[in-house]
Amino acid sequence: MAMRIKFWAFWGALLGTPIALIALVSLVEANAEAKARAFCDRFPADSSLADVARAAREAGDPRHRIIRAGAISIAYIGVPPFSRHVCTVTGESGKVTKTWYAHLD
C-alpha cells in the first residue's frame, strides 16, 4: 500500500508541476493583456490627451512607460523578461487620435 502511494505521489508531482506552471503562465499573460486593453479602452478618439498622460503616470511598468507630447505608450509585463502587452495612444492638438494594443514577445 505504501509503495502504491509513493508511486502515485511521484507521478502526480511529476505531471502536476508542468500543468500548474502552464496555468500560471496563462493567468499572468491574460492579466497583463486585460490591463493593457482596458487602458486603451478608457480613452476613445477625441478624449483629452492630458487625461491620458495623467493616467499613464500611475499605469503599467515604470521601466516601459513613455510619455511624450504626441504619443503615450504603457506596457504591462506578462511572463518576464520578454512578454510585454502595450497600449499606445497618439494624439494631435491635445486630443486622442488613435489607440492600439500590441503584444511584444
N, C-alpha and C. Protein backbone atom coordinates (compact mmCIF):
# COMPACT_ATOMS: atom_id res chain seq x y z
N MET A 1 0.82 -1.20 0.00
CA MET A 1 0.00 0.00 0.00
C MET A 1 0.87 1.26 0.00
N ALA A 2 1.93 1.28 0.85
CA ALA A 2 2.81 2.45 0.92
C ALA A 2 3.53 2.66 -0.40
N MET A 3 3.87 1.57 -1.06
CA MET A 3 4.56 1.66 -2.35
C MET A 3 3.65 2.29 -3.40
N ARG A 4 2.39 1.95 -3.36
CA ARG A 4 1.42 2.48 -4.31
C ARG A 4 1.22 3.98 -4.09
N ILE A 5 1.19 4.41 -2.84
CA ILE A 5 1.03 5.83 -2.53
C ILE A 5 2.25 6.61 -3.02
N LYS A 6 3.44 6.07 -2.80
CA LYS A 6 4.66 6.72 -3.28
C LYS A 6 4.66 6.81 -4.80
N PHE A 7 4.21 5.76 -5.46
CA PHE A 7 4.14 5.73 -6.92
C PHE A 7 3.23 6.85 -7.42
N TRP A 8 2.03 6.95 -6.89
CA TRP A 8 1.08 7.96 -7.34
C TRP A 8 1.52 9.37 -6.94
N ALA A 9 2.16 9.51 -5.79
CA ALA A 9 2.65 10.83 -5.37
C ALA A 9 3.75 11.30 -6.33
N PHE A 10 4.64 10.38 -6.69
CA PHE A 10 5.72 10.72 -7.62
C PHE A 10 5.16 11.17 -8.96
N TRP A 11 4.28 10.37 -9.54
CA TRP A 11 3.72 10.71 -10.85
C TRP A 11 2.80 11.92 -10.79
N GLY A 12 2.11 12.08 -9.69
CA GLY A 12 1.26 13.27 -9.52
C GLY A 12 2.09 14.54 -9.51
N ALA A 13 3.22 14.50 -8.78
CA ALA A 13 4.10 15.67 -8.73
C ALA A 13 4.78 15.89 -10.07
N LEU A 14 5.19 14.81 -10.71
CA LEU A 14 5.89 14.93 -11.99
C LEU A 14 4.99 15.52 -13.07
N LEU A 15 3.74 15.12 -13.10
CA LEU A 15 2.81 15.64 -14.11
C LEU A 15 2.11 16.92 -13.66
N GLY A 16 1.90 17.05 -12.37
CA GLY A 16 1.18 18.21 -11.86
C GLY A 16 1.97 19.50 -11.93
N THR A 17 3.28 19.42 -11.74
CA THR A 17 4.11 20.63 -11.74
C THR A 17 4.07 21.35 -13.09
N PRO A 18 4.31 20.67 -14.23
CA PRO A 18 4.24 21.40 -15.50
C PRO A 18 2.84 21.95 -15.81
N ILE A 19 1.83 21.21 -15.42
CA ILE A 19 0.46 21.68 -15.66
C ILE A 19 0.20 22.95 -14.86
N ALA A 20 0.65 22.98 -13.61
CA ALA A 20 0.48 24.16 -12.76
C ALA A 20 1.26 25.35 -13.32
N LEU A 21 2.47 25.11 -13.82
CA LEU A 21 3.27 26.19 -14.40
C LEU A 21 2.62 26.76 -15.66
N ILE A 22 2.09 25.90 -16.49
CA ILE A 22 1.40 26.36 -17.70
C ILE A 22 0.18 27.20 -17.33
N ALA A 23 -0.56 26.75 -16.33
CA ALA A 23 -1.74 27.51 -15.88
C ALA A 23 -1.33 28.87 -15.33
N LEU A 24 -0.24 28.92 -14.58
CA LEU A 24 0.24 30.18 -14.02
C LEU A 24 0.68 31.15 -15.11
N VAL A 25 1.40 30.65 -16.10
CA VAL A 25 1.84 31.49 -17.22
C VAL A 25 0.62 32.04 -17.96
N SER A 26 -0.36 31.21 -18.20
CA SER A 26 -1.58 31.65 -18.90
C SER A 26 -2.30 32.74 -18.10
N LEU A 27 -2.35 32.58 -16.79
CA LEU A 27 -3.02 33.56 -15.94
C LEU A 27 -2.29 34.90 -15.95
N VAL A 28 -0.97 34.87 -15.84
CA VAL A 28 -0.17 36.10 -15.84
C VAL A 28 -0.30 36.82 -17.18
N GLU A 29 -0.22 36.08 -18.28
CA GLU A 29 -0.35 36.68 -19.61
C GLU A 29 -1.74 37.29 -19.82
N ALA A 30 -2.77 36.57 -19.42
CA ALA A 30 -4.14 37.07 -19.58
C ALA A 30 -4.36 38.34 -18.76
N ASN A 31 -3.79 38.39 -17.58
CA ASN A 31 -3.93 39.56 -16.71
C ASN A 31 -3.24 40.77 -17.33
N ALA A 32 -2.03 40.61 -17.83
CA ALA A 32 -1.30 41.72 -18.46
C ALA A 32 -2.04 42.21 -19.71
N GLU A 33 -2.53 41.29 -20.51
CA GLU A 33 -3.28 41.68 -21.71
C GLU A 33 -4.55 42.45 -21.34
N ALA A 34 -5.27 41.97 -20.35
CA ALA A 34 -6.52 42.62 -19.94
C ALA A 34 -6.26 44.05 -19.45
N LYS A 35 -5.18 44.23 -18.69
CA LYS A 35 -4.87 45.57 -18.19
C LYS A 35 -4.49 46.52 -19.33
N ALA A 36 -3.70 46.04 -20.28
CA ALA A 36 -3.31 46.90 -21.41
C ALA A 36 -4.52 47.26 -22.27
N ARG A 37 -5.36 46.30 -22.55
CA ARG A 37 -6.56 46.58 -23.36
C ARG A 37 -7.51 47.52 -22.61
N ALA A 38 -7.64 47.34 -21.30
CA ALA A 38 -8.51 48.22 -20.51
C ALA A 38 -8.00 49.65 -20.53
N PHE A 39 -6.68 49.82 -20.47
CA PHE A 39 -6.13 51.18 -20.54
C PHE A 39 -6.45 51.81 -21.88
N CYS A 40 -6.29 51.05 -22.96
CA CYS A 40 -6.62 51.58 -24.29
C CYS A 40 -8.10 51.93 -24.41
N ASP A 41 -8.95 51.09 -23.85
CA ASP A 41 -10.40 51.30 -23.96
C ASP A 41 -10.88 52.52 -23.16
N ARG A 42 -10.10 52.95 -22.19
CA ARG A 42 -10.51 54.10 -21.37
C ARG A 42 -10.51 55.40 -22.16
N PHE A 43 -9.77 55.47 -23.25
CA PHE A 43 -9.57 56.73 -23.95
C PHE A 43 -9.92 56.61 -25.43
N PRO A 44 -11.19 56.81 -25.77
CA PRO A 44 -11.58 56.77 -27.18
C PRO A 44 -11.09 58.02 -27.91
N ALA A 45 -11.22 58.01 -29.21
CA ALA A 45 -10.82 59.16 -30.03
C ALA A 45 -11.52 60.41 -29.53
N ASP A 46 -10.83 61.52 -29.60
CA ASP A 46 -11.29 62.85 -29.18
C ASP A 46 -11.29 63.06 -27.66
N SER A 47 -10.81 62.09 -26.87
CA SER A 47 -10.65 62.38 -25.43
C SER A 47 -9.40 63.22 -25.24
N SER A 48 -9.26 63.74 -24.07
CA SER A 48 -8.14 64.63 -23.77
C SER A 48 -6.84 63.84 -23.62
N LEU A 49 -5.82 64.27 -24.34
CA LEU A 49 -4.51 63.64 -24.25
C LEU A 49 -3.87 63.92 -22.89
N ALA A 50 -4.22 65.04 -22.27
CA ALA A 50 -3.71 65.35 -20.93
C ALA A 50 -4.26 64.34 -19.91
N ASP A 51 -5.51 63.91 -20.08
CA ASP A 51 -6.07 62.89 -19.19
C ASP A 51 -5.33 61.57 -19.33
N VAL A 52 -4.96 61.24 -20.56
CA VAL A 52 -4.20 60.01 -20.81
C VAL A 52 -2.84 60.11 -20.13
N ALA A 53 -2.19 61.25 -20.26
CA ALA A 53 -0.86 61.44 -19.65
C ALA A 53 -0.94 61.33 -18.13
N ARG A 54 -1.98 61.89 -17.53
CA ARG A 54 -2.16 61.79 -16.08
C ARG A 54 -2.36 60.34 -15.65
N ALA A 55 -3.21 59.62 -16.36
CA ALA A 55 -3.47 58.22 -16.03
C ALA A 55 -2.24 57.36 -16.27
N ALA A 56 -1.45 57.71 -17.27
CA ALA A 56 -0.28 56.92 -17.63
C ALA A 56 0.81 56.98 -16.56
N ARG A 57 0.85 58.05 -15.82
CA ARG A 57 1.89 58.18 -14.78
C ARG A 57 1.76 57.11 -13.70
N GLU A 58 0.56 56.57 -13.53
CA GLU A 58 0.32 55.56 -12.50
C GLU A 58 0.10 54.16 -13.08
N ALA A 59 0.17 54.02 -14.38
CA ALA A 59 -0.20 52.75 -15.02
C ALA A 59 1.03 52.01 -15.54
N GLY A 60 0.89 50.72 -15.65
CA GLY A 60 1.91 49.91 -16.29
C GLY A 60 3.22 49.81 -15.53
N ASP A 61 4.19 49.26 -16.20
CA ASP A 61 5.53 49.09 -15.64
C ASP A 61 6.31 50.38 -15.83
N PRO A 62 6.85 50.96 -14.75
CA PRO A 62 7.55 52.24 -14.87
C PRO A 62 8.74 52.22 -15.83
N ARG A 63 9.38 51.07 -15.99
CA ARG A 63 10.53 50.99 -16.89
C ARG A 63 10.12 50.97 -18.36
N HIS A 64 8.84 50.71 -18.62
CA HIS A 64 8.36 50.61 -20.00
C HIS A 64 7.24 51.61 -20.25
N ARG A 65 7.36 52.79 -19.69
CA ARG A 65 6.36 53.83 -19.82
C ARG A 65 6.99 55.00 -20.57
N ILE A 66 6.36 55.42 -21.67
CA ILE A 66 6.87 56.56 -22.45
C ILE A 66 5.74 57.58 -22.57
N ILE A 67 6.00 58.78 -22.08
CA ILE A 67 5.00 59.85 -22.15
C ILE A 67 5.64 61.02 -22.89
N ARG A 68 5.16 61.26 -24.11
CA ARG A 68 5.65 62.36 -24.93
C ARG A 68 4.46 63.24 -25.31
N ALA A 69 4.76 64.36 -25.95
CA ALA A 69 3.71 65.31 -26.29
C ALA A 69 2.63 64.70 -27.19
N GLY A 70 3.02 63.93 -28.20
CA GLY A 70 2.03 63.41 -29.14
C GLY A 70 1.80 61.91 -29.07
N ALA A 71 2.52 61.22 -28.18
CA ALA A 71 2.37 59.77 -28.10
C ALA A 71 2.66 59.28 -26.68
N ILE A 72 1.83 58.39 -26.22
CA ILE A 72 1.98 57.81 -24.89
C ILE A 72 1.93 56.30 -25.04
N SER A 73 2.88 55.63 -24.43
CA SER A 73 2.96 54.18 -24.53
C SER A 73 3.11 53.59 -23.13
N ILE A 74 2.24 52.64 -22.81
CA ILE A 74 2.23 51.99 -21.49
C ILE A 74 2.36 50.49 -21.72
N ALA A 75 3.27 49.86 -20.98
CA ALA A 75 3.45 48.41 -21.13
C ALA A 75 3.15 47.71 -19.81
N TYR A 76 2.46 46.60 -19.91
CA TYR A 76 2.23 45.71 -18.79
C TYR A 76 3.02 44.44 -19.08
N ILE A 77 3.76 43.98 -18.10
CA ILE A 77 4.66 42.84 -18.29
C ILE A 77 3.90 41.54 -18.04
N GLY A 78 4.03 40.64 -19.01
CA GLY A 78 3.47 39.30 -18.86
C GLY A 78 4.47 38.43 -18.13
N VAL A 79 4.91 37.36 -18.73
CA VAL A 79 5.91 36.49 -18.13
C VAL A 79 7.28 37.07 -18.49
N PRO A 80 8.02 37.57 -17.49
CA PRO A 80 9.30 38.20 -17.76
C PRO A 80 10.29 37.22 -18.37
N PRO A 81 11.25 37.70 -19.08
CA PRO A 81 11.61 39.09 -19.27
C PRO A 81 11.11 39.66 -20.59
N PHE A 82 10.50 38.86 -21.45
CA PHE A 82 10.26 39.33 -22.82
C PHE A 82 8.83 39.72 -23.15
N SER A 83 7.85 39.22 -22.49
CA SER A 83 6.46 39.43 -22.88
C SER A 83 5.95 40.78 -22.38
N ARG A 84 5.63 41.67 -23.32
CA ARG A 84 5.09 42.98 -22.97
C ARG A 84 3.78 43.19 -23.72
N HIS A 85 2.79 43.65 -22.99
CA HIS A 85 1.49 43.98 -23.57
C HIS A 85 1.40 45.51 -23.52
N VAL A 86 1.32 46.12 -24.69
CA VAL A 86 1.49 47.58 -24.80
C VAL A 86 0.23 48.24 -25.33
N CYS A 87 -0.12 49.34 -24.67
CA CYS A 87 -1.17 50.23 -25.19
C CYS A 87 -0.48 51.52 -25.61
N THR A 88 -0.70 51.91 -26.85
CA THR A 88 -0.12 53.14 -27.36
C THR A 88 -1.24 54.08 -27.76
N VAL A 89 -1.11 55.33 -27.35
CA VAL A 89 -2.11 56.36 -27.64
C VAL A 89 -1.39 57.49 -28.35
N THR A 90 -1.92 57.90 -29.49
CA THR A 90 -1.36 59.05 -30.21
C THR A 90 -2.40 60.16 -30.26
N GLY A 91 -1.92 61.37 -30.41
CA GLY A 91 -2.84 62.49 -30.45
C GLY A 91 -2.27 63.70 -31.13
N GLU A 92 -3.16 64.62 -31.44
CA GLU A 92 -2.80 65.92 -32.03
C GLU A 92 -3.68 66.98 -31.41
N SER A 93 -3.12 68.15 -31.22
CA SER A 93 -3.86 69.30 -30.67
C SER A 93 -4.54 68.96 -29.34
N GLY A 94 -3.89 68.15 -28.53
CA GLY A 94 -4.43 67.83 -27.20
C GLY A 94 -5.54 66.81 -27.18
N LYS A 95 -5.85 66.20 -28.32
CA LYS A 95 -6.93 65.19 -28.41
C LYS A 95 -6.37 63.86 -28.88
N VAL A 96 -6.95 62.79 -28.39
CA VAL A 96 -6.55 61.44 -28.81
C VAL A 96 -7.02 61.21 -30.24
N THR A 97 -6.11 60.72 -31.08
CA THR A 97 -6.48 60.40 -32.46
C THR A 97 -6.57 58.90 -32.68
N LYS A 98 -5.73 58.14 -31.95
CA LYS A 98 -5.73 56.69 -32.18
C LYS A 98 -5.18 55.98 -30.95
N THR A 99 -5.76 54.82 -30.63
CA THR A 99 -5.21 53.94 -29.60
C THR A 99 -5.11 52.54 -30.18
N TRP A 100 -4.06 51.81 -29.77
CA TRP A 100 -3.97 50.44 -30.21
C TRP A 100 -3.18 49.60 -29.21
N TYR A 101 -3.49 48.33 -29.24
CA TYR A 101 -2.85 47.35 -28.35
C TYR A 101 -1.89 46.50 -29.20
N ALA A 102 -0.74 46.16 -28.60
CA ALA A 102 0.22 45.28 -29.27
C ALA A 102 0.85 44.36 -28.23
N HIS A 103 1.11 43.13 -28.64
CA HIS A 103 1.82 42.18 -27.78
C HIS A 103 3.21 42.01 -28.34
N LEU A 104 4.21 42.39 -27.57
CA LEU A 104 5.60 42.26 -27.98
C LEU A 104 6.21 41.09 -27.23
N ASP A 105 6.66 40.14 -27.96
CA ASP A 105 7.20 38.93 -27.32
C ASP A 105 8.63 38.69 -27.73
